[in-house]
Protein backbone atom coordinates (compact mmCIF):
# COMPACT_ATOMS: atom_id res chain seq x y z
CA MET A 1 -131.78 -83.96 156.68
CA ILE A 2 -134.89 -82.33 157.58
CA VAL A 3 -134.54 -78.17 158.75
CA GLY A 4 -138.17 -77.15 161.02
CA SER A 5 -139.37 -73.80 161.54
CA VAL A 6 -140.49 -74.86 165.31
CA ARG A 7 -143.25 -72.76 167.33
CA SER A 8 -143.55 -73.83 170.93
CA GLY A 9 -141.62 -76.85 170.29
CA LEU A 10 -144.05 -78.19 167.37
CA ALA A 11 -142.31 -78.15 163.81
CA GLU A 12 -144.59 -75.69 161.60
CA THR A 13 -142.77 -75.59 158.38
CA LEU A 14 -140.22 -78.43 157.03
CA HIS A 15 -137.46 -77.77 154.62
CA PRO A 16 -135.66 -80.43 153.15
CA VAL A 17 -132.13 -79.50 152.67
CA VAL A 18 -128.95 -81.40 151.11
CA ALA A 19 -124.97 -80.32 152.44
CA VAL A 20 -122.03 -81.53 151.40
CA ALA A 21 -118.35 -81.12 151.86
CA VAL A 22 -115.59 -81.86 149.84
CA ASP A 23 -111.60 -81.89 149.78
CA GLU A 24 -109.05 -80.68 147.74
CA SER A 25 -109.31 -83.01 144.95
CA GLY A 26 -113.39 -82.90 144.93
CA SER A 27 -113.81 -85.93 146.73
CA VAL A 28 -117.25 -86.02 148.73
CA VAL A 29 -115.67 -86.32 152.70
CA ALA A 30 -119.22 -85.64 154.69
CA SER A 31 -122.61 -84.77 153.76
CA LEU A 32 -126.39 -84.50 155.24
CA GLY A 33 -129.64 -85.08 153.00
CA ASP A 34 -130.02 -87.59 150.37
CA ASP A 35 -130.60 -85.91 147.51
CA LEU A 36 -126.90 -85.41 146.38
CA ASP A 37 -127.75 -86.14 142.89
CA ARG A 38 -130.61 -83.90 142.17
CA GLU A 39 -129.88 -80.77 139.98
CA PHE A 40 -131.14 -77.28 140.54
CA PHE A 41 -129.92 -73.80 139.19
CA LEU A 42 -127.03 -72.47 140.91
CA ARG A 43 -128.16 -68.81 140.14
CA SER A 44 -125.44 -66.46 141.80
CA ALA A 45 -123.67 -68.90 143.70
CA PRO A 46 -121.01 -69.61 141.52
CA LYS A 47 -120.52 -65.28 140.66
CA PRO A 48 -116.81 -65.57 141.96
CA LEU A 49 -116.19 -68.14 139.09
CA GLN A 50 -117.83 -65.92 136.42
CA ALA A 51 -115.72 -62.92 137.79
CA MET A 52 -112.69 -65.26 137.30
CA VAL A 53 -113.45 -66.13 133.78
CA SER A 54 -114.23 -62.08 133.18
CA GLN A 55 -110.79 -61.37 134.58
CA ARG A 56 -109.12 -64.19 132.64
CA ASN A 57 -110.60 -62.15 129.44
CA GLY A 58 -109.18 -58.91 130.25
CA ALA A 59 -111.51 -57.27 132.33
CA ALA A 60 -108.15 -56.17 134.45
CA LEU A 61 -109.95 -55.13 137.69
CA GLY A 62 -108.47 -54.32 140.85
CA SER A 63 -109.38 -56.19 144.19
CA GLU A 64 -112.50 -54.22 145.20
CA GLN A 65 -113.62 -54.03 141.76
CA LEU A 66 -112.97 -57.87 141.37
CA ALA A 67 -115.18 -58.31 144.54
CA ILE A 68 -117.90 -56.24 143.35
CA ALA A 69 -117.61 -58.18 140.00
CA ALA A 70 -118.65 -61.67 142.15
CA SER A 71 -121.18 -59.51 144.22
CA SER A 72 -124.71 -59.81 144.51
CA HIS A 73 -124.68 -56.23 146.20
CA SER A 74 -127.12 -53.81 147.60
CA ALA A 75 -126.65 -51.05 145.52
CA TYR A 76 -125.32 -48.77 148.16
CA PRO A 77 -123.42 -45.54 146.98
CA VAL A 78 -119.89 -47.67 147.12
CA HIS A 79 -121.30 -50.78 145.10
CA VAL A 80 -122.91 -48.45 142.65
CA ALA A 81 -120.03 -46.28 142.48
CA HIS A 82 -117.52 -49.07 141.66
CA VAL A 83 -119.87 -50.39 139.11
CA THR A 84 -120.07 -46.75 137.24
CA ASP A 85 -116.04 -46.54 137.68
CA MET A 86 -115.68 -50.24 136.42
CA LEU A 87 -117.93 -48.91 133.09
CA LEU A 88 -116.73 -45.61 132.85
CA GLY A 89 -113.17 -47.13 132.60
CA VAL A 90 -113.52 -48.97 128.93
CA GLY A 91 -115.89 -46.01 127.94
CA LEU A 92 -119.47 -47.35 128.46
CA ASP A 93 -122.01 -46.38 130.61
CA HIS A 94 -125.15 -48.02 132.69
CA GLU A 95 -127.35 -48.54 129.71
CA HIS A 96 -124.74 -50.75 128.10
CA LEU A 97 -125.59 -53.17 130.95
CA ARG A 98 -128.12 -56.00 130.16
CA CYS A 99 -129.53 -56.57 133.46
CA PRO A 100 -133.05 -55.32 133.97
CA PRO A 101 -133.83 -52.01 135.56
CA ASP A 102 -134.54 -52.52 139.31
CA ARG A 103 -134.31 -50.68 142.91
CA PRO A 104 -131.69 -51.43 145.58
CA SER A 105 -132.24 -54.79 147.28
CA ARG A 106 -131.68 -52.90 150.57
CA ALA A 107 -134.56 -50.91 152.29
CA GLY A 108 -131.62 -48.61 153.36
CA ALA A 109 -129.88 -48.22 150.15
CA ASP A 110 -133.04 -47.47 148.62
CA ARG A 111 -133.87 -44.57 151.00
CA LEU A 112 -130.56 -42.92 150.18
CA TRP A 113 -131.02 -43.03 147.00
CA VAL A 114 -134.74 -41.82 146.83
CA ALA A 115 -133.37 -38.87 149.22
CA LYS A 116 -130.70 -38.12 146.46
CA GLY A 117 -133.52 -37.71 143.77
CA ARG A 118 -133.09 -40.91 142.38
CA ALA A 119 -136.40 -42.75 142.60
CA GLY A 120 -137.10 -44.69 139.75
CA LYS A 121 -135.61 -48.00 138.37
CA GLU A 122 -132.04 -48.25 137.00
CA ARG A 123 -129.75 -51.00 135.45
CA VAL A 124 -126.84 -50.11 137.63
CA PHE A 125 -129.25 -50.56 141.03
CA HIS A 126 -129.59 -54.07 139.59
CA ASN A 127 -127.81 -56.51 142.45
CA CYS A 128 -126.09 -58.12 139.55
CA SER A 129 -124.69 -55.29 137.70
CA GLY A 130 -120.74 -55.40 138.93
CA LYS A 131 -121.23 -59.16 137.27
CA HIS A 132 -122.59 -57.34 134.00
CA ALA A 133 -119.87 -54.43 134.09
CA ALA A 134 -117.11 -57.09 134.55
CA MET A 135 -118.23 -58.95 131.39
CA LEU A 136 -118.46 -56.01 129.09
CA ARG A 137 -114.89 -55.23 130.28
CA ALA A 138 -114.02 -58.57 129.11
CA CYS A 139 -115.94 -58.01 125.78
CA VAL A 140 -114.06 -54.75 125.36
CA ALA A 141 -110.78 -55.91 125.76
CA ARG A 142 -111.52 -58.74 123.64
CA GLY A 143 -113.29 -57.23 120.72
CA TRP A 144 -116.51 -59.54 121.11
CA SER A 145 -120.02 -58.28 120.92
CA LEU A 146 -121.46 -56.52 123.75
CA GLU A 147 -124.50 -58.75 123.86
CA TYR A 148 -122.74 -60.88 126.20
CA THR A 149 -126.27 -62.52 127.60
CA ASP A 150 -126.08 -64.44 124.83
CA PRO A 151 -125.94 -68.35 125.80
CA ASP A 152 -123.42 -68.90 122.51
CA HIS A 153 -121.58 -65.55 123.45
CA PRO A 154 -117.76 -66.85 123.50
CA LEU A 155 -117.81 -64.96 127.25
CA GLN A 156 -120.29 -67.43 128.21
CA ARG A 157 -119.28 -70.82 126.40
CA GLU A 158 -115.75 -70.23 128.56
CA ILE A 159 -118.02 -69.80 131.76
CA VAL A 160 -119.80 -72.85 130.80
CA SER A 161 -116.26 -74.70 130.00
CA ALA A 162 -114.65 -73.40 133.40
CA ALA A 163 -117.72 -74.37 135.96
CA SER A 164 -117.88 -77.78 133.95
CA GLU A 165 -114.03 -78.36 134.57
CA ALA A 166 -114.43 -77.49 138.01
CA ALA A 167 -117.50 -79.22 138.73
CA GLY A 168 -115.98 -82.56 137.00
CA ARG A 169 -119.13 -82.86 135.04
CA VAL A 170 -121.02 -80.75 132.02
CA VAL A 171 -122.85 -77.96 133.69
CA GLU A 172 -125.27 -77.87 130.93
CA PRO A 173 -128.48 -77.05 129.83
CA THR A 174 -128.21 -73.36 131.36
CA GLY A 175 -131.24 -71.53 132.09
CA VAL A 176 -131.79 -67.71 132.39
CA ASP A 177 -131.12 -66.18 135.71
CA GLY A 178 -132.97 -63.23 137.14
CA CYS A 179 -130.62 -60.54 135.73
CA GLY A 180 -130.50 -62.07 132.14
CA ILE A 181 -127.78 -64.14 131.97
CA PRO A 182 -127.14 -68.08 131.38
CA THR A 183 -127.10 -69.87 135.00
CA LEU A 184 -125.67 -72.71 135.29
CA ARG A 185 -127.65 -76.37 136.36
CA SER A 186 -125.75 -79.00 138.00
CA ASP A 187 -125.82 -80.63 141.69
CA VAL A 188 -124.87 -79.58 145.13
CA THR A 189 -121.59 -81.90 144.77
CA SER A 190 -120.58 -79.50 141.67
CA LEU A 191 -121.24 -76.43 143.31
CA ALA A 192 -119.42 -77.46 146.44
CA ARG A 193 -116.32 -78.96 143.86
CA ILE A 194 -116.48 -75.08 142.15
CA PHE A 195 -115.82 -73.54 145.76
CA SER A 196 -112.94 -76.51 146.34
CA ARG A 197 -111.74 -75.12 143.09
CA LEU A 198 -111.66 -71.50 144.19
CA VAL A 199 -109.69 -72.10 147.21
CA ASN A 200 -107.51 -74.95 145.84
CA ASP A 201 -106.60 -73.58 142.33
CA SER A 202 -103.75 -70.45 141.76
CA ASP A 203 -105.75 -69.98 138.98
CA TYR A 204 -108.89 -68.83 141.16
CA ALA A 205 -106.55 -66.81 143.97
CA GLU A 206 -107.24 -63.32 142.51
CA VAL A 207 -110.85 -63.47 142.56
CA THR A 208 -110.95 -65.54 145.90
CA THR A 209 -108.44 -62.99 147.65
CA ALA A 210 -110.72 -60.17 146.43
CA ALA A 211 -113.82 -62.07 147.43
CA ALA A 212 -112.78 -62.87 150.79
CA ARG A 213 -111.37 -59.60 151.39
CA PHE A 214 -113.94 -57.40 150.95
CA THR A 215 -116.91 -59.62 151.90
CA SER A 216 -119.14 -56.23 152.36
CA LEU A 217 -118.68 -55.75 148.69
CA THR A 218 -119.61 -59.08 147.66
CA VAL A 219 -122.48 -59.46 149.66
CA ASP A 220 -122.98 -56.55 151.68
CA GLY A 221 -122.61 -56.62 155.66
CA PHE A 222 -126.28 -58.08 156.60
CA ARG A 223 -126.60 -60.85 155.14
CA PRO A 224 -125.73 -64.98 156.43
CA GLU A 225 -122.46 -65.18 154.09
CA ALA A 226 -121.41 -61.60 155.91
CA VAL A 227 -121.40 -63.45 159.09
CA LEU A 228 -119.69 -66.44 157.76
CA ALA A 229 -117.13 -64.81 156.32
CA ARG A 230 -116.16 -62.53 159.55
CA TRP A 231 -115.69 -65.51 161.77
CA VAL A 232 -114.62 -68.32 159.15
CA PRO A 233 -111.89 -67.20 156.73
CA CYS A 234 -113.43 -68.80 153.69
CA VAL A 235 -114.90 -67.16 150.44
CA VAL A 236 -118.92 -67.58 150.54
CA LYS A 237 -121.60 -67.24 148.18
CA GLY A 238 -125.35 -67.59 148.35
CA GLY A 239 -127.90 -67.83 145.45
CA ALA A 240 -131.44 -67.58 144.80
CA GLU A 241 -133.38 -69.98 145.80
CA GLY A 242 -131.86 -71.45 148.51
CA CYS A 243 -128.51 -72.49 147.50
CA ILE A 244 -125.16 -71.20 148.94
CA GLY A 245 -121.38 -72.17 147.97
CA LEU A 246 -118.22 -71.87 150.70
CA GLY A 247 -114.81 -72.72 150.40
CA LEU A 248 -112.13 -72.70 153.30
CA LEU A 249 -108.96 -70.72 153.02
CA GLU A 250 -107.19 -72.36 155.69
CA HIS A 251 -108.13 -76.16 155.27
CA GLY A 252 -109.03 -76.60 151.56
CA LEU A 253 -112.24 -77.97 152.47
CA ALA A 254 -115.52 -76.88 150.39
CA PHE A 255 -118.86 -77.04 151.39
CA ALA A 256 -122.26 -76.38 149.64
CA ALA A 257 -125.93 -76.37 150.79
CA LYS A 258 -129.63 -76.38 148.79
CA SER A 259 -132.69 -76.23 150.55
CA TRP A 260 -135.62 -77.43 148.26
CA SER A 261 -138.06 -75.23 149.53
CA GLY A 262 -136.25 -72.64 148.00
CA VAL A 263 -135.76 -70.55 151.10
CA SER A 264 -132.34 -69.33 151.91
CA ALA A 265 -132.03 -69.96 155.70
CA PRO A 266 -132.44 -73.72 156.30
CA ALA A 267 -129.44 -73.89 153.69
CA VAL A 268 -127.32 -71.91 155.61
CA VAL A 269 -128.08 -73.91 158.99
CA ALA A 270 -127.48 -77.10 157.01
CA LEU A 271 -124.07 -75.38 155.27
CA VAL A 272 -122.99 -74.48 159.17
CA GLU A 273 -124.18 -77.80 160.88
CA LEU A 274 -122.02 -79.69 158.37
CA MET A 275 -119.25 -77.36 159.22
CA VAL A 276 -119.39 -78.05 162.82
CA ARG A 277 -119.62 -82.22 162.18
CA VAL A 278 -116.67 -81.94 160.01
CA GLY A 279 -114.69 -80.14 162.89
CA VAL A 280 -113.58 -76.91 161.10
CA VAL A 281 -115.75 -74.53 163.32
CA PRO A 282 -114.05 -74.01 166.52
CA ASP A 283 -116.23 -73.53 169.46
CA TYR A 284 -115.78 -69.60 169.85
CA GLN A 285 -116.66 -69.32 166.26
CA ARG A 286 -119.63 -71.45 166.63
CA SER A 287 -121.11 -69.58 169.15
CA GLN A 288 -120.71 -66.52 167.33
CA LEU A 289 -122.29 -68.30 163.93
CA ALA A 290 -125.44 -69.27 166.56
CA ALA A 291 -127.76 -66.42 164.76
CA ILE A 292 -127.31 -68.07 161.37
CA ALA A 293 -127.05 -71.61 162.72
CA ARG A 294 -130.31 -71.73 164.65
CA PRO A 295 -131.88 -68.47 163.61
CA ASP A 296 -134.94 -67.39 165.49
CA VAL A 297 -138.71 -67.59 164.06
CA LEU A 298 -140.71 -64.42 164.63
CA GLY A 299 -144.46 -64.38 165.39
CA GLY A 300 -145.83 -61.08 166.46
CA GLY A 301 -142.28 -59.58 165.94
CA ARG A 302 -140.96 -61.82 168.58
CA PRO A 303 -138.87 -65.18 168.79
CA VAL A 304 -141.53 -67.75 169.22
CA GLY A 305 -138.92 -70.58 168.10
CA THR A 306 -135.93 -71.52 166.03
CA LEU A 307 -135.12 -72.75 162.63
CA GLN A 308 -133.18 -75.97 163.62
CA PRO A 309 -131.94 -79.77 162.44
CA LEU A 310 -134.57 -82.02 163.18
CA ALA A 311 -133.49 -85.46 161.53
CA TYR A 312 -130.67 -86.42 159.61
CA GLU A 313 -130.20 -89.09 156.90
């Protein structure tokens, strides 16, 4: 499948994209594109699974904290407050986080903290600090080393094991994500199968319910994932470099997409396109998803075209 940036009817930028849908058994039921076996780093997309492993190892998180653990948050005060409470609850503080110091990823959140006199980079502002805080709580509960970013750390080995079981294949070798945590490597079908496990396996029900109920904590309210969750009952999570996974709460089907250009918007276009083709998006919901299914391309601050599917294979 090719997604194109279109200006005045002429394709300017082409984004090769692959998308897949799997059923509750993990069997592929539909796909777009022909690179289903091509591997990539899943980045933040499997965070709900990572949060589940932390919870299973004693993180003892409430629903909103569990949503933060599965998040790529924007460091609004509500996000920072939850991460701080997660740490304080087990006698830790921001300096125990191993994610690098950063500024909030959303400009509005950044302005709020500057106005409060916190203009420097802080570990708690990193969009992955919720995941890191959950991992620290699990380490405290299990008596493990707090150097939890090591690929050979017991918690990271459990995450690889859980992801491999869900994906139906080994998801190694791992890489290093931007936050310092090992990032899983696999293909788009494996990512879809992980989300199938999230919505079909009772062991994952707690984190799935939390991430679906508190999407504004997991991805904030501005991203395409929030729009999807608003109109389609699902658990959804994107990752850097244009990958995204989604599991439907009502149908048990799961979807994943990857943009090989590394741009996230084409992956979302492909994901919605495949969901429509499979028949799980009613007409009204489809109309409400138009802004992410066919996003505008801006030129000079005004729409000059749309990002849309140009070909199917």
